Amino acid sequence: MDTFISEQSLPVLIILFLASLAALSKATDFLIDHAVVLSKKFGISEMIIGATIVSLGTTLPELAISISAVLQESTDLALGNAVGSVITNTALVLGVGSLAGSVPVLRNTSGRLLFLVSAIFILVFGSIRSWGGDFFYSDGHLPRLIGFLFLCAIPLYLSSPFWTSEKKIRRHESKEGAPIRKKDLLMEGSLILSSGAVVAFSAAVLISTVSTLAARLGVSKAIIAGTVIAFGTSLPELSTTFTSARKGYGGLAMGNVLGASILNILLVLGVSISVSPGGLTVPALFYRVHFPIALSVVGILTYFIFNTRKMEISNREGLVLLAIYLFYLFFNLVA
């Protein structure tokens, strides 16, 4: 697809850009609407749907790009894509969502936050080779064992939200007087996954188109890698979160952000590390820029979640997250 797009004329590229952007927007609306239908019909909270089904759909671009990068032996791109997406999701996406509408923080958010914090710590500290004075200037290494550990944690993460909601679903069944039909569940789930696939494909076309346009305009590849790809692979989450918050489904937005960030580590990096012979090499730059900002933004989000009386991410807190994202972009450009 990249080769096909790179060979197109400027007018065709502009048409592809507008068409993919329109498809991304429409598919996201469709995904959100059916995710909410599913949550209401089966008594499952918006947070759970956002953290599982919606997040799986919107993480597809990162997974596709990271696998391609590993197969092409661009391991630093695979790692940068996943870690950069975590930062972008948590800082930019959640920040924009809080400005678009209310993003509530539910009590069961803490369980998913624990997955994210644990995964980040294992990723960072499990890759360190040297603890000496040259810590920030030495390459690290992620062994395949960590990749397998991340992959083994995926079923646990995807099933954990439903443990706490089992009683709620049973109460819903008793109240409605009709059992949940598997046919309805499969239909709604298929519609959500199908729209998620459209979101992923349109985002991939958008990324390739923007990258080609930027290259033709003379923008350096370093800037494209640090900004366009990191932003482009998070477009599904950004579109989903903005639409959710604007429509009043803030719980879905929070679930999507946390779920996408967790799956970027467990699924995207888990697959990337596991299929790479000998694991992944971690360039020293990650210890100076990416990892510190990733730890910082997750730490700040944790503070916002547990230090709030309104039980939501406020506009002011959203502005702080957006400022962190701009800070991250700046260091990407000057590093």
Protein backbone atom coordinates (compact mmCIF):
# COMPACT_ATOMS: atom_id res chain seq x y z
CA MET A 1 0.00 0.00 0.00
CA ASP A 2 2.84 2.42 0.83
CA THR A 3 4.39 1.84 -2.61
CA PHE A 4 1.05 2.43 -4.36
CA ILE A 5 0.41 5.67 -2.48
CA SER A 6 3.95 6.98 -2.96
CA GLU A 7 3.52 6.68 -6.74
CA GLN A 8 0.38 8.82 -6.90
CA SER A 9 0.18 12.43 -8.05
CA LEU A 10 -0.43 15.31 -5.66
CA PRO A 11 -4.18 15.68 -6.52
CA VAL A 12 -4.71 11.94 -5.94
CA LEU A 13 -2.88 12.15 -2.61
CA ILE A 14 -5.14 14.98 -1.50
CA ILE A 15 -8.23 12.97 -2.50
CA LEU A 16 -6.92 9.92 -0.61
CA PHE A 17 -6.24 12.09 2.42
CA LEU A 18 -9.77 13.55 2.47
CA ALA A 19 -11.43 10.19 1.74
CA SER A 20 -9.51 8.36 4.48
CA LEU A 21 -10.23 11.14 6.94
CA ALA A 22 -13.97 10.96 6.13
CA ALA A 23 -13.96 7.15 6.41
CA LEU A 24 -12.15 7.34 9.74
CA SER A 25 -14.72 9.77 11.12
CA LYS A 26 -17.79 7.84 9.90
CA ALA A 27 -16.45 4.45 10.99
CA THR A 28 -15.64 5.85 14.42
CA ASP A 29 -19.20 7.20 14.81
CA PHE A 30 -20.57 3.79 13.82
CA LEU A 31 -18.22 2.02 16.25
CA ILE A 32 -19.18 4.29 19.15
CA ASP A 33 -22.93 3.98 18.53
CA HIS A 34 -22.88 0.17 18.44
CA ALA A 35 -20.51 -0.05 21.40
CA VAL A 36 -23.01 1.97 23.45
CA VAL A 37 -25.88 -0.22 22.21
CA LEU A 38 -23.95 -3.27 23.35
CA SER A 39 -23.20 -1.80 26.76
CA LYS A 40 -26.84 -0.80 27.38
CA LYS A 41 -28.37 -3.97 25.97
CA PHE A 42 -26.28 -6.34 28.06
CA GLY A 43 -25.84 -4.24 31.16
CA ILE A 44 -22.10 -3.81 30.62
CA SER A 45 -20.58 -0.46 31.52
CA GLU A 46 -19.25 1.90 28.84
CA MET A 47 -15.84 1.73 30.56
CA ILE A 48 -15.61 -2.03 30.01
CA ILE A 49 -16.66 -1.85 26.35
CA GLY A 50 -14.15 0.95 25.75
CA ALA A 51 -11.36 -0.92 27.52
CA THR A 52 -11.85 -4.15 25.59
CA ILE A 53 -13.71 -4.25 22.26
CA VAL A 54 -13.18 -0.61 21.21
CA SER A 55 -9.53 -0.63 22.31
CA LEU A 56 -8.79 -3.80 20.35
CA GLY A 57 -10.19 -2.19 17.21
CA THR A 58 -8.33 1.10 17.58
CA THR A 59 -4.99 -0.60 18.38
CA LEU A 60 -4.85 -2.36 15.01
CA PRO A 61 -2.77 0.38 13.27
CA GLU A 62 -0.02 0.22 15.89
CA LEU A 63 0.04 -3.58 15.72
CA ALA A 64 0.29 -3.62 11.92
CA ILE A 65 3.05 -1.00 11.82
CA SER A 66 5.09 -2.62 14.61
CA ILE A 67 4.95 -6.09 13.03
CA SER A 68 6.02 -4.62 9.67
CA ALA A 69 8.86 -2.75 11.38
CA VAL A 70 10.15 -5.90 13.10
CA LEU A 71 9.98 -7.89 9.85
CA GLN A 72 12.03 -5.12 8.19
CA GLU A 73 14.46 -5.18 11.15
CA SER A 74 13.51 -1.64 12.20
CA THR A 75 13.14 -2.60 15.85
CA ASP A 76 13.58 0.95 17.14
CA LEU A 77 10.59 2.00 15.01
CA ALA A 78 8.48 -0.79 16.51
CA LEU A 79 9.42 0.25 20.04
CA GLY A 80 9.03 3.96 19.32
CA ASN A 81 5.62 3.38 17.74
CA ALA A 82 4.29 1.54 20.80
CA VAL A 83 5.78 3.78 23.49
CA GLY A 84 5.00 6.94 21.53
CA SER A 85 1.41 5.79 21.13
CA VAL A 86 1.08 5.27 24.89
CA ILE A 87 2.28 8.84 25.47
CA THR A 88 0.07 10.20 22.70
CA ASN A 89 -3.01 8.31 23.92
CA THR A 90 -2.56 9.34 27.52
CA ALA A 91 -1.51 12.96 26.96
CA LEU A 92 -2.96 14.15 23.64
CA VAL A 93 -6.04 11.92 23.27
CA LEU A 94 -7.24 12.15 26.86
CA GLY A 95 -6.41 15.86 26.93
CA VAL A 96 -8.50 16.52 23.82
CA GLY A 97 -11.29 14.33 25.18
CA SER A 98 -11.47 16.32 28.42
CA LEU A 99 -11.86 19.53 26.41
CA ALA A 100 -14.55 18.00 24.18
CA GLY A 101 -16.75 16.91 27.07
CA SER A 102 -16.91 15.18 30.43
CA VAL A 103 -14.51 12.24 30.96
CA PRO A 104 -15.67 10.52 34.17
CA VAL A 105 -13.35 8.50 36.37
CA LEU A 106 -15.16 5.44 37.69
CA ARG A 107 -14.07 3.35 40.65
CA ASN A 108 -13.23 0.34 38.51
CA THR A 109 -10.74 2.50 36.58
CA SER A 110 -8.11 1.66 39.20
CA GLY A 111 -7.94 -1.98 38.09
CA ARG A 112 -7.07 -1.11 34.51
CA LEU A 113 -4.71 1.62 35.65
CA LEU A 114 -2.81 -1.00 37.66
CA PHE A 115 -2.29 -3.01 34.45
CA LEU A 116 -0.89 0.07 32.70
CA VAL A 117 1.46 1.07 35.53
CA SER A 118 2.73 -2.50 35.95
CA ALA A 119 3.31 -2.93 32.20
CA ILE A 120 5.22 0.36 31.96
CA PHE A 121 7.47 -0.54 34.90
CA ILE A 122 8.21 -4.02 33.52
CA LEU A 123 8.96 -2.50 30.10
CA VAL A 124 11.34 0.16 31.38
CA PHE A 125 13.15 -1.59 34.22
CA GLY A 126 13.15 -4.99 32.52
CA SER A 127 15.15 -3.55 29.63
CA ILE A 128 17.96 -1.92 31.62
CA ARG A 129 21.41 -3.46 31.17
CA SER A 130 23.58 -0.98 33.01
CA TRP A 131 22.81 0.92 36.23
CA GLY A 132 26.09 2.83 36.21
CA GLY A 133 26.86 6.44 35.41
CA ASP A 134 26.30 5.87 31.70
CA PHE A 135 22.71 4.75 32.29
CA PHE A 136 21.21 7.37 29.95
CA TYR A 137 23.76 6.69 27.21
CA SER A 138 23.74 2.87 27.07
CA ASP A 139 21.48 0.69 24.95
CA GLY A 140 19.09 -1.65 26.71
CA HIS A 141 17.53 -4.95 25.73
CA LEU A 142 14.06 -6.47 25.94
CA PRO A 143 14.34 -10.29 26.03
CA ARG A 144 11.71 -12.45 24.36
CA LEU A 145 10.64 -13.66 27.82
CA ILE A 146 9.15 -10.22 28.52
CA GLY A 147 7.29 -10.39 25.19
CA PHE A 148 5.80 -13.76 26.12
CA LEU A 149 4.90 -12.37 29.57
CA PHE A 150 3.03 -9.47 27.97
CA LEU A 151 1.13 -11.82 25.62
CA CYS A 152 0.17 -14.13 28.49
CA ALA A 153 -1.23 -11.14 30.38
CA ILE A 154 -3.66 -10.21 27.55
CA PRO A 155 -6.38 -12.80 28.37
CA LEU A 156 -6.16 -11.79 32.03
CA TYR A 157 -6.59 -8.12 31.15
CA LEU A 158 -9.45 -8.66 28.68
CA SER A 159 -11.39 -10.88 31.09
CA SER A 160 -10.77 -8.91 34.30
CA PRO A 161 -13.39 -6.17 33.72
CA PHE A 162 -16.16 -8.76 33.43
CA TRP A 163 -15.36 -10.30 36.81
CA THR A 164 -16.71 -7.25 38.61
CA SER A 165 -19.62 -6.84 36.22
CA GLU A 166 -20.91 -10.43 36.38
CA LYS A 167 -23.38 -9.69 39.16
CA LYS A 168 -24.54 -6.56 37.38
CA ILE A 169 -25.22 -8.52 34.19
CA ARG A 170 -27.16 -11.13 36.12
CA ARG A 171 -29.26 -8.42 37.78
CA HIS A 172 -29.89 -6.93 34.33
CA GLU A 173 -31.07 -10.32 33.03
CA SER A 174 -33.39 -10.78 35.99
CA LYS A 175 -34.83 -7.28 35.66
CA GLU A 176 -35.51 -7.56 31.93
CA GLY A 177 -36.88 -11.07 32.30
CA ALA A 178 -35.12 -12.28 29.15
CA PRO A 179 -31.75 -14.01 28.83
CA ILE A 180 -28.95 -12.48 26.80
CA ARG A 181 -28.97 -14.07 23.36
CA LYS A 182 -25.63 -15.09 21.91
CA LYS A 183 -26.90 -14.16 18.45
CA ASP A 184 -27.38 -10.53 19.48
CA LEU A 185 -24.01 -10.44 21.18
CA LEU A 186 -22.25 -11.86 18.12
CA MET A 187 -24.05 -9.44 15.79
CA GLU A 188 -23.19 -6.33 17.78
CA GLY A 189 -19.67 -7.56 18.38
CA SER A 190 -19.18 -8.24 14.66
CA LEU A 191 -20.44 -4.78 13.73
CA ILE A 192 -18.06 -3.19 16.22
CA LEU A 193 -15.06 -5.20 15.06
CA SER A 194 -15.90 -4.52 11.39
CA SER A 195 -16.08 -0.78 11.99
CA GLY A 196 -12.85 -1.05 13.97
CA ALA A 197 -11.20 -2.66 10.94
CA VAL A 198 -12.39 0.23 8.75
CA VAL A 199 -10.99 2.67 11.32
CA ALA A 200 -7.64 0.86 11.27
CA PHE A 201 -7.46 0.68 7.46
CA SER A 202 -8.45 4.31 6.91
CA ALA A 203 -5.90 5.38 9.53
CA ALA A 204 -3.18 3.37 7.74
CA VAL A 205 -4.03 5.05 4.43
CA LEU A 206 -4.03 8.43 6.15
CA ILE A 207 -0.60 7.81 7.70
CA SER A 208 0.95 6.73 4.40
CA THR A 209 -0.62 9.66 2.54
CA VAL A 210 0.54 12.24 5.07
CA SER A 211 4.05 10.74 5.14
CA THR A 212 4.28 10.92 1.33
CA LEU A 213 3.00 14.50 1.28
CA ALA A 214 5.46 15.51 4.00
CA ALA A 215 8.38 13.91 2.14
CA ARG A 216 7.47 15.71 -1.09
CA LEU A 217 7.27 19.00 0.80
CA GLY A 218 10.84 18.50 2.02
CA VAL A 219 10.14 17.69 5.66
CA SER A 220 12.90 15.51 7.15
CA LYS A 221 12.24 11.83 7.89
CA ALA A 222 13.24 12.39 11.53
CA ILE A 223 10.40 14.85 11.99
CA ILE A 224 7.98 12.54 10.16
CA ALA A 225 8.93 9.60 12.40
CA GLY A 226 8.69 11.63 15.60
CA THR A 227 5.42 13.38 14.81
CA VAL A 228 3.38 12.02 11.88
CA ILE A 229 3.67 8.30 12.67
CA ALA A 230 3.17 8.75 16.43
CA PHE A 231 0.17 11.00 15.84
CA GLY A 232 -1.16 9.00 12.89
CA THR A 233 -1.32 5.65 14.66
CA SER A 234 -3.28 7.29 17.49
CA LEU A 235 -5.87 8.85 15.16
CA PRO A 236 -8.41 6.05 15.82
CA GLU A 237 -8.15 6.59 19.59
CA LEU A 238 -8.27 10.37 19.15
CA SER A 239 -11.33 10.21 16.91
CA THR A 240 -13.07 7.64 19.14
CA THR A 241 -12.34 9.53 22.36
CA PHE A 242 -13.34 12.93 20.98
CA THR A 243 -16.60 11.55 19.57
CA SER A 244 -17.37 9.65 22.79
CA ALA A 245 -16.82 12.68 25.02
CA ARG A 246 -18.75 14.99 22.68
CA LYS A 247 -21.72 12.61 22.63
CA GLY A 248 -21.70 12.29 26.41
CA TYR A 249 -20.15 8.81 26.59
CA GLY A 250 -17.10 9.87 28.57
CA GLY A 251 -16.80 6.50 30.29
CA LEU A 252 -16.24 4.92 26.89
CA ALA A 253 -13.54 7.52 26.17
CA MET A 254 -11.62 6.79 29.38
CA GLY A 255 -11.92 3.06 28.83
CA ASN A 256 -10.65 3.41 25.27
CA VAL A 257 -7.62 5.49 26.29
CA LEU A 258 -6.57 3.16 29.10
CA GLY A 259 -7.34 0.05 27.07
CA ALA A 260 -5.44 1.24 24.00
CA SER A 261 -2.41 2.21 26.09
CA ILE A 262 -2.37 -1.16 27.86
CA LEU A 263 -2.77 -3.09 24.60
CA ASN A 264 0.00 -1.06 22.98
CA ILE A 265 2.35 -2.59 25.53
CA LEU A 266 0.85 -6.05 26.08
CA LEU A 267 -0.25 -6.78 22.50
CA VAL A 268 1.80 -4.54 20.17
CA LEU A 269 5.10 -4.76 22.04
CA GLY A 270 4.37 -8.31 23.19
CA VAL A 271 4.11 -9.48 19.59
CA SER A 272 7.04 -7.31 18.44
CA ILE A 273 9.38 -8.64 21.14
CA SER A 274 8.25 -12.25 20.76
CA VAL A 275 8.71 -12.48 16.97
CA SER A 276 12.06 -10.70 17.00
CA PRO A 277 14.97 -13.17 17.26
CA GLY A 278 16.90 -12.36 20.40
CA GLY A 279 14.39 -9.75 21.54
CA LEU A 280 14.46 -6.00 20.93
CA THR A 281 17.38 -3.61 21.37
CA VAL A 282 16.40 -0.42 23.20
CA PRO A 283 18.36 2.63 21.92
CA ALA A 284 19.82 4.88 24.61
CA LEU A 285 17.58 7.72 23.41
CA PHE A 286 14.59 5.97 24.96
CA TYR A 287 16.12 6.31 28.43
CA ARG A 288 16.63 10.04 27.92
CA VAL A 289 13.31 10.95 26.29
CA HIS A 290 10.62 8.32 25.71
CA PHE A 291 10.72 6.28 28.90
CA PRO A 292 10.96 9.25 31.34
CA ILE A 293 8.02 11.01 29.65
CA ALA A 294 5.99 7.78 29.52
CA LEU A 295 6.55 7.20 33.25
CA SER A 296 5.75 10.86 33.97
CA VAL A 297 2.51 11.00 32.01
CA VAL A 298 1.24 7.74 33.53
CA GLY A 299 2.20 9.00 36.99
CA ILE A 300 0.39 12.31 36.43
CA LEU A 301 -2.70 10.49 35.12
CA THR A 302 -2.66 8.31 38.23
CA TYR A 303 -2.56 11.44 40.39
CA PHE A 304 -5.46 13.00 38.45
CA ILE A 305 -7.58 9.86 38.79
CA PHE A 306 -7.11 9.39 42.54
CA ASN A 307 -6.97 13.09 43.50
CA THR A 308 -10.29 14.28 42.13
CA ARG A 309 -13.52 15.20 43.89
CA LYS A 310 -15.55 15.61 40.74
CA MET A 311 -14.73 12.03 39.65
CA GLU A 312 -13.73 13.22 36.17
CA ILE A 313 -10.74 14.57 34.26
CA SER A 314 -11.23 18.34 34.35
CA ASN A 315 -10.49 20.82 31.56
CA ARG A 316 -7.51 22.15 33.52
CA GLU A 317 -6.08 18.65 33.91
CA GLY A 318 -6.65 18.09 30.19
CA LEU A 319 -4.60 21.19 29.43
CA VAL A 320 -1.76 19.83 31.59
CA LEU A 321 -1.81 16.58 29.61
CA LEU A 322 -1.76 18.49 26.31
CA ALA A 323 1.21 20.54 27.55
CA ILE A 324 3.07 17.29 28.29
CA TYR A 325 2.39 16.10 24.75
CA LEU A 326 3.79 19.33 23.29
CA PHE A 327 6.81 18.88 25.55
CA TYR A 328 7.23 15.35 24.18
CA LEU A 329 6.99 16.59 20.58
CA PHE A 330 9.63 19.25 21.26
CA PHE A 331 12.12 16.71 22.59
CA ASN A 332 11.43 14.44 19.63
CA LEU A 333 12.36 17.26 17.28
CA VAL A 334 15.54 18.35 19.07
CA ALA A 335 16.82 14.93 20.21
